[in-house]
Protein backbone atom coordinates (compact mmCIF):
# COMPACT_ATOMS: atom_id res chain seq x y z
CA UNK A 1 56.58 27.64 -48.76
CA UNK A 2 54.81 25.85 -51.58
CA UNK A 3 57.51 24.60 -53.95
CA UNK A 4 55.12 22.95 -56.42
CA UNK A 5 55.22 23.85 -60.08
CA UNK A 6 52.05 25.11 -61.75
CA UNK A 7 51.16 22.28 -64.16
CA UNK A 8 49.81 24.65 -66.82
CA UNK A 9 52.96 26.77 -66.81
CA UNK A 10 55.07 23.62 -66.84
CA UNK A 11 53.26 22.38 -69.97
CA UNK A 12 53.78 25.79 -71.62
CA UNK A 13 57.49 25.68 -70.78
CA UNK A 14 57.95 22.11 -71.99
CA UNK A 15 56.15 22.90 -75.26
CA UNK A 16 58.48 25.85 -75.79
CA UNK A 17 61.48 23.66 -74.98
CA UNK A 18 60.31 21.09 -77.57
CA UNK A 19 59.88 23.79 -80.23
CA UNK A 20 63.35 25.15 -79.47
CA UNK A 21 64.81 21.65 -79.73
CA UNK A 22 63.24 21.31 -83.19
CA UNK A 23 64.78 24.63 -84.21
CA UNK A 24 68.18 23.48 -83.00
CA UNK A 25 67.95 20.67 -85.58
CA UNK A 26 67.38 23.06 -88.50
CA UNK A 27 70.39 23.04 -90.78
CA UNK A 28 69.92 25.68 -93.47
CA UNK A 29 71.03 24.58 -96.90
CA UNK A 30 74.27 26.39 -97.86
CA UNK A 31 73.29 26.39 -101.52
CA UNK A 32 70.28 28.57 -100.65
CA UNK A 33 72.55 31.41 -99.56
CA UNK A 34 71.22 31.04 -96.01
CA UNK A 35 74.12 32.92 -94.47
CA UNK A 36 72.88 36.11 -96.11
CA UNK A 37 69.17 35.59 -95.68
CA UNK A 38 66.40 34.35 -93.47
CA UNK A 39 65.92 30.83 -92.16
CA UNK A 40 62.46 29.49 -91.36
CA UNK A 41 62.07 28.37 -87.74
CA UNK A 42 59.14 27.14 -85.69
CA UNK A 43 57.43 29.58 -83.37
CA UNK A 44 58.80 28.68 -79.93
CA UNK A 45 55.60 29.60 -78.08
CA UNK A 46 53.87 27.45 -75.48
CA UNK A 47 50.81 26.54 -77.55
CA UNK A 48 51.12 22.85 -78.48
CA UNK A 49 48.89 23.40 -81.53
CA UNK A 50 50.86 26.33 -82.94
CA UNK A 51 52.01 25.85 -86.52
CA UNK A 52 53.35 29.37 -87.03
CA UNK A 53 56.79 29.85 -88.50
CA UNK A 54 59.23 32.70 -88.05
CA UNK A 55 62.07 33.85 -90.28
CA UNK A 56 65.34 34.77 -88.56
CA UNK A 57 68.85 35.22 -89.84
CA UNK A 58 71.42 32.77 -88.52
CA UNK A 59 73.00 35.63 -86.54
CA UNK A 60 69.64 36.59 -84.98
CA UNK A 61 69.00 33.01 -83.91
CA UNK A 62 72.50 32.62 -82.48
CA UNK A 63 72.10 35.87 -80.51
CA UNK A 64 68.80 34.61 -79.09
CA UNK A 65 70.32 31.26 -78.11
CA UNK A 66 72.99 32.93 -75.95
CA UNK A 67 70.42 32.92 -73.12
CA UNK A 68 68.72 29.63 -72.25
CA UNK A 69 65.62 31.44 -70.98
CA UNK A 70 64.96 33.29 -74.24
CA UNK A 71 62.70 32.18 -77.08
CA UNK A 72 61.53 33.57 -80.43
CA UNK A 73 57.76 33.62 -80.77
CA UNK A 74 55.00 35.20 -82.84
CA UNK A 75 54.13 38.54 -81.24
CA UNK A 76 50.56 37.51 -80.38
CA UNK A 77 51.62 34.29 -78.63
CA UNK A 78 53.01 35.76 -75.38
CA UNK A 79 51.96 33.95 -72.17
CA UNK A 80 52.32 36.69 -69.51
CA UNK A 81 52.30 34.24 -66.57
CA UNK A 82 55.31 32.38 -67.98
CA UNK A 83 57.39 35.03 -69.74
CA UNK A 84 58.23 38.68 -70.21
CA UNK A 85 58.72 40.44 -73.53
CA UNK A 86 62.37 41.37 -73.98
CA UNK A 87 62.04 42.91 -77.43
CA UNK A 88 59.46 43.12 -80.20
CA UNK A 89 61.07 42.90 -83.62
CA UNK A 90 59.34 43.19 -87.01
CA UNK A 91 59.44 39.43 -87.75
CA UNK A 92 59.29 37.95 -84.23
CA UNK A 93 59.19 38.72 -80.52
CA UNK A 94 61.87 37.72 -78.01
CA UNK A 95 60.53 36.53 -74.67
CA UNK A 96 62.31 35.44 -71.53
CA UNK A 97 60.90 32.70 -69.33
CA UNK A 98 60.42 33.62 -65.67
CA UNK A 99 60.03 31.67 -62.42
CA UNK A 100 59.31 27.94 -62.87
CA UNK A 101 59.11 28.28 -66.66
CA UNK A 102 62.57 29.85 -66.64
CA UNK A 103 64.02 27.02 -64.61
CA UNK A 104 62.50 24.46 -66.98
CA UNK A 105 63.86 26.36 -70.00
CA UNK A 106 67.37 26.47 -68.56
CA UNK A 107 67.30 22.85 -67.45
CA UNK A 108 66.38 21.78 -70.99
CA UNK A 109 68.70 24.13 -72.88
CA UNK A 110 70.57 21.89 -75.35
CA UNK A 111 73.42 24.41 -75.32
CA UNK A 112 73.46 24.81 -71.55
CA UNK A 113 76.34 23.65 -69.40
CA UNK A 114 74.04 21.82 -67.01
CA UNK A 115 71.35 20.45 -69.34
CA UNK A 116 69.15 18.04 -67.43
CA UNK A 117 65.54 16.95 -67.10
CA UNK A 118 64.98 17.95 -63.50
CA UNK A 119 63.49 21.01 -61.86
CA UNK A 120 63.97 21.53 -58.17
CA UNK A 121 65.22 17.97 -57.77
CA UNK A 122 62.04 16.45 -59.20
CA UNK A 123 61.78 14.72 -62.52
CA UNK A 124 59.84 16.99 -64.90
CA UNK A 125 57.55 14.14 -65.99
CA UNK A 126 56.42 13.72 -62.37
CA UNK A 127 55.32 17.36 -62.32
CA UNK A 128 52.89 17.06 -65.24
């Protein structure tokens, strides 16, 4: 069986991982009343040129982050080969990475128990 990772899907997954990592660094300002409102986050899609932003409550983002394969993206940015739509919401769409993209997403989940930079025993950089 061919165990190689599709390089295009790998790039999509790593771009999404990078966008999620940036969102993990967002610390909403308490003085802005962020706990009651919306916080601006980067679209976590796989397009490296995407500059779209999404607005989620802290609770919505925390719910999303319970699963290392799930990402918040703009509704038009779905990559069917790499992800399935879990739920379309008015301000964003939740997608779940599948197959190789899912393994990359889990391996690079900053909140995951087994966060690492390997997929199938190979260093991710070697797969690009």
